[in-house]
């Protein structure tokens, strides 16, 4: 089953949806994906936002002509997504299993989610993401860096280990981009908190990465 870390995180998100949405929306999608923008496929591409939160990124992709599926298990966030991105297909599916979703997706976003999954769930999630990616599809995986506050439903992440994990799922690192935690509250609370964006190119997909599924024909 899903680890207690995920359950604890979801209950916290549900209870604090308003404040968290305001925090997410204080940072623009362009800033979050700044190091990967040129890798985004041309519209209309099938895009999955796994853990879509406030809908900030889903709305951005919809506005640019993409066919967006927003997977978000927290009902309070789904209500917001439906309002701001009515063209997006809404799903209650949650990492790691992402049940009920069918690909293929040209791009999968996994942002501000990975640190809530324990290692076993990350393995499960990568296999599922890999299966949902189209040939040559991309996974944008964001990895939270820095100390884990005590009592928080977070796991410490070693980017190298996560890239190895992705490789085991058939994905290969295309690009890595390191960015500071962008909102002021995060900066104050976690002086050493960074986000590493990973572009993993894949048929299978990897907090921000893109993966390529090895062993597939990747010439287009």
C-alpha atoms as a PDB file:
ATOM      1  CA  UNK A   1       0.000   0.000   0.000  1.00  0.00           C
ATOM      2  CA  UNK A   2       0.904   3.657  -0.128  1.00  0.00           C
ATOM      3  CA  UNK A   3       3.328   4.590   2.631  1.00  0.00           C
ATOM      4  CA  UNK A   4       2.310   6.584   5.681  1.00  0.00           C
ATOM      5  CA  UNK A   5       4.454   9.409   4.361  1.00  0.00           C
ATOM      6  CA  UNK A   6       2.069   9.910   1.457  1.00  0.00           C
ATOM      7  CA  UNK A   7      -1.049   9.669   3.640  1.00  0.00           C
ATOM      8  CA  UNK A   8       0.375  12.163   6.135  1.00  0.00           C
ATOM      9  CA  UNK A   9       1.348  14.547   3.358  1.00  0.00           C
ATOM     10  CA  UNK A  10      -2.081  14.390   1.703  1.00  0.00           C
ATOM     11  CA  UNK A  11      -3.872  15.198   4.948  1.00  0.00           C
ATOM     12  CA  UNK A  12      -1.566  18.181   5.487  1.00  0.00           C
ATOM     13  CA  UNK A  13      -2.189  19.398   1.933  1.00  0.00           C
ATOM     14  CA  UNK A  14      -5.959  19.048   2.323  1.00  0.00           C
ATOM     15  CA  UNK A  15      -5.956  21.017   5.584  1.00  0.00           C
ATOM     16  CA  UNK A  16      -3.754  23.788   4.197  1.00  0.00           C
ATOM     17  CA  UNK A  17      -4.888  23.937   0.577  1.00  0.00           C
ATOM     18  CA  UNK A  18      -5.582  27.682   0.484  1.00  0.00           C
ATOM     19  CA  UNK A  19      -2.235  28.768   1.893  1.00  0.00           C
ATOM     20  CA  UNK A  20      -0.297  26.219  -0.108  1.00  0.00           C
ATOM     21  CA  UNK A  21      -2.018  27.184  -3.353  1.00  0.00           C
ATOM     22  CA  UNK A  22      -1.110  30.821  -2.773  1.00  0.00           C
ATOM     23  CA  UNK A  23       2.498  29.803  -2.185  1.00  0.00           C
ATOM     24  CA  UNK A  24       2.664  27.655  -5.321  1.00  0.00           C
ATOM     25  CA  UNK A  25       1.093  30.409  -7.399  1.00  0.00           C
ATOM     26  CA  UNK A  26       3.659  32.948  -6.186  1.00  0.00           C
ATOM     27  CA  UNK A  27       6.160  31.219  -8.475  1.00  0.00           C
ATOM     28  CA  UNK A  28       5.635  31.163 -12.228  1.00  0.00           C
ATOM     29  CA  UNK A  29       5.797  27.965 -14.241  1.00  0.00           C
ATOM     30  CA  UNK A  30       8.466  29.632 -16.411  1.00  0.00           C
ATOM     31  CA  UNK A  31      10.664  30.010 -13.332  1.00  0.00           C
ATOM     32  CA  UNK A  32      10.086  26.448 -12.136  1.00  0.00           C
ATOM     33  CA  UNK A  33      10.898  24.955 -15.545  1.00  0.00           C
ATOM     34  CA  UNK A  34      13.440  27.607 -16.554  1.00  0.00           C
ATOM     35  CA  UNK A  35      16.221  25.129 -17.307  1.00  0.00           C
ATOM     36  CA  UNK A  36      14.000  22.787 -19.311  1.00  0.00           C
ATOM     37  CA  UNK A  37      11.739  25.088 -21.334  1.00  0.00           C
ATOM     38  CA  UNK A  38      13.339  24.313 -24.683  1.00  0.00           C
ATOM     39  CA  UNK A  39      12.649  20.586 -24.148  1.00  0.00           C
ATOM     40  CA  UNK A  40       8.869  20.993 -23.941  1.00  0.00           C
ATOM     41  CA  UNK A  41       7.310  19.370 -27.027  1.00  0.00           C
ATOM     42  CA  UNK A  42       5.312  21.557 -29.414  1.00  0.00           C
ATOM     43  CA  UNK A  43       1.549  21.737 -28.827  1.00  0.00           C
ATOM     44  CA  UNK A  44      -0.733  19.984 -28.868  1.00  0.00           C
ATOM     45  CA  UNK A  45       1.168  17.431 -26.802  1.00  0.00           C
ATOM     46  CA  UNK A  46      -0.345  15.015 -24.303  1.00  0.00           C
ATOM     47  CA  UNK A  47       0.897  16.243 -20.909  1.00  0.00           C
ATOM     48  CA  UNK A  48       0.385  14.582 -17.523  1.00  0.00           C
ATOM     49  CA  UNK A  49       0.863  16.676 -14.383  1.00  0.00           C
ATOM     50  CA  UNK A  50       1.180  14.069 -11.597  1.00  0.00           C
ATOM     51  CA  UNK A  51       0.429  15.787  -8.310  1.00  0.00           C
ATOM     52  CA  UNK A  52      -0.962  18.890  -9.990  1.00  0.00           C
ATOM     53  CA  UNK A  53      -1.559  20.818  -6.746  1.00  0.00           C
ATOM     54  CA  UNK A  54      -3.017  24.278  -7.317  1.00  0.00           C
ATOM     55  CA  UNK A  55      -3.141  23.724 -11.069  1.00  0.00           C
ATOM     56  CA  UNK A  56      -0.524  26.396 -11.751  1.00  0.00           C
ATOM     57  CA  UNK A  57       1.407  24.286 -14.261  1.00  0.00           C
ATOM     58  CA  UNK A  58      -1.650  22.512 -15.696  1.00  0.00           C
ATOM     59  CA  UNK A  59      -3.202  25.913 -16.519  1.00  0.00           C
ATOM     60  CA  UNK A  60       0.066  27.091 -18.092  1.00  0.00           C
ATOM     61  CA  UNK A  61       0.217  24.070 -20.408  1.00  0.00           C
ATOM     62  CA  UNK A  62      -3.498  24.309 -21.289  1.00  0.00           C
ATOM     63  CA  UNK A  63      -3.047  27.990 -22.210  1.00  0.00           C
ATOM     64  CA  UNK A  64      -0.307  26.956 -24.637  1.00  0.00           C
ATOM     65  CA  UNK A  65      -2.499  24.483 -26.453  1.00  0.00           C
ATOM     66  CA  UNK A  66      -1.519  21.201 -24.804  1.00  0.00           C
ATOM     67  CA  UNK A  67      -3.867  18.331 -23.939  1.00  0.00           C
ATOM     68  CA  UNK A  68      -3.402  18.194 -20.165  1.00  0.00           C
ATOM     69  CA  UNK A  69      -4.327  15.499 -17.670  1.00  0.00           C
ATOM     70  CA  UNK A  70      -4.094  16.796 -14.095  1.00  0.00           C
ATOM     71  CA  UNK A  71      -3.768  13.991 -11.553  1.00  0.00           C
ATOM     72  CA  UNK A  72      -4.359  15.260  -8.022  1.00  0.00           C
ATOM     73  CA  UNK A  73      -5.598  13.193  -5.054  1.00  0.00           C
ATOM     74  CA  UNK A  74      -6.498  16.198  -2.852  1.00  0.00           C
ATOM     75  CA  UNK A  75     -10.108  17.225  -3.543  1.00  0.00           C
ATOM     76  CA  UNK A  76      -9.498  20.817  -2.433  1.00  0.00           C
ATOM     77  CA  UNK A  77      -6.859  21.168  -5.147  1.00  0.00           C
ATOM     78  CA  UNK A  78      -8.977  19.455  -7.810  1.00  0.00           C
ATOM     79  CA  UNK A  79     -11.701  22.074  -7.259  1.00  0.00           C
ATOM     80  CA  UNK A  80      -9.155  24.809  -7.972  1.00  0.00           C
ATOM     81  CA  UNK A  81      -7.831  23.058 -11.068  1.00  0.00           C
ATOM     82  CA  UNK A  82     -11.359  22.643 -12.469  1.00  0.00           C
ATOM     83  CA  UNK A  83     -11.906  26.399 -12.094  1.00  0.00           C
ATOM     84  CA  UNK A  84      -8.628  27.654 -13.539  1.00  0.00           C
ATOM     85  CA  UNK A  85      -8.029  24.976 -16.186  1.00  0.00           C
ATOM     86  CA  UNK A  86     -11.474  23.666 -17.190  1.00  0.00           C
ATOM     87  CA  UNK A  87     -10.021  22.139 -20.365  1.00  0.00           C
ATOM     88  CA  UNK A  88      -7.749  19.841 -18.344  1.00  0.00           C
ATOM     89  CA  UNK A  89      -8.854  16.267 -17.747  1.00  0.00           C
ATOM     90  CA  UNK A  90      -9.059  15.769 -13.985  1.00  0.00           C
ATOM     91  CA  UNK A  91      -8.043  12.563 -12.236  1.00  0.00           C
ATOM     92  CA  UNK A  92      -7.932  11.563  -8.570  1.00  0.00           C
ATOM     93  CA  UNK A  93      -4.970   9.287  -9.321  1.00  0.00           C
ATOM     94  CA  UNK A  94      -2.059   9.485  -6.912  1.00  0.00           C
ATOM     95  CA  UNK A  95       1.590   8.494  -7.097  1.00  0.00           C
ATOM     96  CA  UNK A  96       3.007   5.909  -6.973  1.00  0.00           C
ATOM     97  CA  UNK A  97       0.317   3.787  -8.676  1.00  0.00           C
ATOM     98  CA  UNK A  98      -1.452   6.473 -10.771  1.00  0.00           C
ATOM     99  CA  UNK A  99      -4.390   4.105 -11.156  1.00  0.00           C
ATOM    100  CA  UNK A 100      -6.845   4.598 -13.973  1.00  0.00           C
ATOM    101  CA  UNK A 101      -4.563   6.679 -16.192  1.00  0.00           C
ATOM    102  CA  UNK A 102      -3.760   5.645 -19.746  1.00  0.00           C
ATOM    103  CA  UNK A 103      -0.950   7.074 -21.827  1.00  0.00           C
ATOM    104  CA  UNK A 104       0.931   7.625 -23.869  1.00  0.00           C
ATOM    105  CA  UNK A 105       2.075  11.049 -22.676  1.00  0.00           C
ATOM    106  CA  UNK A 106       4.707  13.120 -24.484  1.00  0.00           C
ATOM    107  CA  UNK A 107       5.569  14.921 -21.237  1.00  0.00           C
ATOM    108  CA  UNK A 108       5.029  14.019 -17.585  1.00  0.00           C
ATOM    109  CA  UNK A 109       5.611  16.557 -14.814  1.00  0.00           C
ATOM    110  CA  UNK A 110       6.424  15.307 -11.313  1.00  0.00           C
ATOM    111  CA  UNK A 111       6.975  18.442  -9.261  1.00  0.00           C
ATOM    112  CA  UNK A 112       7.168  18.792  -5.460  1.00  0.00           C
ATOM    113  CA  UNK A 113       6.013  15.202  -4.968  1.00  0.00           C
ATOM    114  CA  UNK A 114       8.986  12.842  -5.010  1.00  0.00           C
ATOM    115  CA  UNK A 115      10.162  13.565  -1.447  1.00  0.00           C
ATOM    116  CA  UNK A 116       6.847  12.248  -0.108  1.00  0.00           C
ATOM    117  CA  UNK A 117       7.479   8.778  -1.542  1.00  0.00           C
ATOM    118  CA  UNK A 118       9.559   6.160   0.238  1.00  0.00           C
ATOM    119  CA  UNK A 119      12.175   4.321  -1.864  1.00  0.00           C
ATOM    120  CA  UNK A 120       9.924   1.344  -2.581  1.00  0.00           C
ATOM    121  CA  UNK A 121       7.165   3.658  -3.794  1.00  0.00           C
ATOM    122  CA  UNK A 122       9.668   5.578  -5.953  1.00  0.00           C
ATOM    123  CA  UNK A 123      10.594   2.330  -7.708  1.00  0.00           C
ATOM    124  CA  UNK A 124       6.913   1.577  -8.261  1.00  0.00           C
ATOM    125  CA  UNK A 125       6.251   5.119  -9.484  1.00  0.00           C
ATOM    126  CA  UNK A 126       9.119   5.083 -11.983  1.00  0.00           C
ATOM    127  CA  UNK A 127       7.919   1.831 -13.494  1.00  0.00           C
ATOM    128  CA  UNK A 128       4.442   3.312 -13.846  1.00  0.00           C
ATOM    129  CA  UNK A 129       5.705   6.638 -15.247  1.00  0.00           C
ATOM    130  CA  UNK A 130       7.896   4.756 -17.692  1.00  0.00           C
ATOM    131  CA  UNK A 131       4.888   2.784 -18.912  1.00  0.00           C
ATOM    132  CA  UNK A 132       2.845   5.975 -19.365  1.00  0.00           C
ATOM    133  CA  UNK A 133       5.482   7.773 -21.457  1.00  0.00           C
ATOM    134  CA  UNK A 134       5.305   7.783 -25.228  1.00  0.00           C
ATOM    135  CA  UNK A 135       8.392   6.689 -27.173  1.00  0.00           C
ATOM    136  CA  UNK A 136      10.801   9.594 -26.882  1.00  0.00           C
ATOM    137  CA  UNK A 137       8.613  11.131 -24.183  1.00  0.00           C
ATOM    138  CA  UNK A 138      10.022  13.249 -21.387  1.00  0.00           C
ATOM    139  CA  UNK A 139       9.755  13.108 -17.620  1.00  0.00           C
ATOM    140  CA  UNK A 140      10.389  16.374 -15.751  1.00  0.00           C
ATOM    141  CA  UNK A 141      11.247  15.289 -12.226  1.00  0.00           C
ATOM    142  CA  UNK A 142      11.902  17.842  -9.473  1.00  0.00           C
ATOM    143  CA  UNK A 143      13.994  16.694  -6.524  1.00  0.00           C
ATOM    144  CA  UNK A 144      13.922  18.578  -3.251  1.00  0.00           C
ATOM    145  CA  UNK A 145      17.406  19.124  -1.838  1.00  0.00           C
ATOM    146  CA  UNK A 146      18.445  20.075   1.659  1.00  0.00           C
ATOM    147  CA  UNK A 147      17.775  19.115   5.254  1.00  0.00           C
ATOM    148  CA  UNK A 148      14.490  17.454   6.114  1.00  0.00           C
ATOM    149  CA  UNK A 149      12.689  19.285   8.953  1.00  0.00           C
ATOM    150  CA  UNK A 150      11.918  16.949  11.839  1.00  0.00           C
ATOM    151  CA  UNK A 151       8.363  15.697  12.019  1.00  0.00           C
ATOM    152  CA  UNK A 152       7.677  16.413   8.353  1.00  0.00           C
ATOM    153  CA  UNK A 153       6.392  13.698   5.982  1.00  0.00           C
ATOM    154  CA  UNK A 154       9.476  14.024   3.782  1.00  0.00           C
ATOM    155  CA  UNK A 155      12.256  11.740   2.665  1.00  0.00           C
ATOM    156  CA  UNK A 156      15.812  12.949   2.089  1.00  0.00           C
ATOM    157  CA  UNK A 157      16.740  12.562  -1.567  1.00  0.00           C
ATOM    158  CA  UNK A 158      20.099  11.857  -3.154  1.00  0.00           C
ATOM    159  CA  UNK A 159      19.800  12.936  -6.811  1.00  0.00           C
ATOM    160  CA  UNK A 160      22.457  10.473  -7.981  1.00  0.00           C
ATOM    161  CA  UNK A 161      20.558   7.605  -6.370  1.00  0.00           C
ATOM    162  CA  UNK A 162      17.297   8.751  -7.967  1.00  0.00           C
ATOM    163  CA  UNK A 163      18.914   8.920 -11.411  1.00  0.00           C
ATOM    164  CA  UNK A 164      20.207   5.375 -10.862  1.00  0.00           C
ATOM    165  CA  UNK A 165      16.668   4.391  -9.879  1.00  0.00           C
ATOM    166  CA  UNK A 166      15.371   5.931 -13.101  1.00  0.00           C
ATOM    167  CA  UNK A 167      18.001   4.109 -15.139  1.00  0.00           C
ATOM    168  CA  UNK A 168      16.796   0.841 -13.635  1.00  0.00           C
ATOM    169  CA  UNK A 169      13.325   1.734 -14.928  1.00  0.00           C
ATOM    170  CA  UNK A 170      14.711   2.272 -18.428  1.00  0.00           C
ATOM    171  CA  UNK A 171      15.243   6.024 -18.285  1.00  0.00           C
ATOM    172  CA  UNK A 172      18.325   8.108 -19.010  1.00  0.00           C
ATOM    173  CA  UNK A 173      19.234  11.566 -17.737  1.00  0.00           C
ATOM    174  CA  UNK A 174      19.055  14.169 -20.466  1.00  0.00           C
ATOM    175  CA  UNK A 175      19.652  17.346 -18.467  1.00  0.00           C
ATOM    176  CA  UNK A 176      20.033  18.494 -14.874  1.00  0.00           C
ATOM    177  CA  UNK A 177      19.290  22.042 -13.785  1.00  0.00           C
ATOM    178  CA  UNK A 178      19.729  23.292 -10.227  1.00  0.00           C
ATOM    179  CA  UNK A 179      17.478  26.074  -9.006  1.00  0.00           C
ATOM    180  CA  UNK A 180      16.977  27.727  -5.628  1.00  0.00           C
ATOM    181  CA  UNK A 181      13.752  27.154  -3.766  1.00  0.00           C
ATOM    182  CA  UNK A 182      11.907  30.012  -5.363  1.00  0.00           C
ATOM    183  CA  UNK A 183       9.418  31.312  -2.860  1.00  0.00           C
ATOM    184  CA  UNK A 184      10.414  33.531   0.035  1.00  0.00           C
ATOM    185  CA  UNK A 185       8.825  31.389   2.743  1.00  0.00           C
ATOM    186  CA  UNK A 186      10.812  28.385   1.586  1.00  0.00           C
ATOM    187  CA  UNK A 187      14.008  30.418   1.462  1.00  0.00           C
ATOM    188  CA  UNK A 188      13.506  31.676   5.011  1.00  0.00           C
ATOM    189  CA  UNK A 189      12.596  28.293   6.393  1.00  0.00           C
ATOM    190  CA  UNK A 190      15.244  26.216   4.641  1.00  0.00           C
ATOM    191  CA  UNK A 191      18.425  28.099   3.919  1.00  0.00           C
ATOM    192  CA  UNK A 192      19.907  25.102   2.136  1.00  0.00           C
ATOM    193  CA  UNK A 193      16.797  23.948   0.304  1.00  0.00           C
ATOM    194  CA  UNK A 194      17.356  23.600  -3.421  1.00  0.00           C
ATOM    195  CA  UNK A 195      15.385  22.038  -6.195  1.00  0.00           C
ATOM    196  CA  UNK A 196      17.193  20.016  -8.815  1.00  0.00           C
ATOM    197  CA  UNK A 197      15.348  19.761 -12.091  1.00  0.00           C
ATOM    198  CA  UNK A 198      16.099  16.640 -14.059  1.00  0.00           C
ATOM    199  CA  UNK A 199      15.250  16.204 -17.694  1.00  0.00           C
ATOM    200  CA  UNK A 200      15.017  12.538 -18.394  1.00  0.00           C
ATOM    201  CA  UNK A 201      14.179  11.537 -21.920  1.00  0.00           C
ATOM    202  CA  UNK A 202      12.213   8.407 -22.206  1.00  0.00           C
ATOM    203  CA  UNK A 203       9.638   5.968 -23.329  1.00  0.00           C
ATOM    204  CA  UNK A 204       9.481   5.602 -19.668  1.00  0.00           C
ATOM    205  CA  UNK A 205       9.599   8.571 -17.660  1.00  0.00           C
ATOM    206  CA  UNK A 206      11.777  10.354 -14.011  1.00  0.00           C
ATOM    207  CA  UNK A 207      11.400  16.610  -8.848  1.00  0.00           C
ATOM    208  CA  UNK A 208      12.384  17.878 -12.419  1.00  0.00           C
ATOM    209  CA  UNK A 209      13.690  15.387 -14.880  1.00  0.00           C
ATOM    210  CA  UNK A 210      13.313  13.990 -18.326  1.00  0.00           C
ATOM    211  CA  UNK A 211      14.036  10.335 -19.137  1.00  0.00           C
ATOM    212  CA  UNK A 212      14.487   8.291 -22.280  1.00  0.00           C
ATOM    213  CA  UNK A 213      13.529   4.670 -22.295  1.00  0.00           C
ATOM    214  CA  UNK A 214      16.635   2.747 -23.247  1.00  0.00           C
ATOM    215  CA  UNK A 215      16.493   0.099 -25.939  1.00  0.00           C
ATOM    216  CA  UNK A 216      13.898   1.951 -27.975  1.00  0.00           C
ATOM    217  CA  UNK A 217      14.371   3.600 -31.321  1.00  0.00           C
ATOM    218  CA  UNK A 218      14.828   7.245 -30.381  1.00  0.00           C
ATOM    219  CA  UNK A 219      15.509   8.659 -33.829  1.00  0.00           C
ATOM    220  CA  UNK A 220      12.583  10.608 -35.211  1.00  0.00           C
END
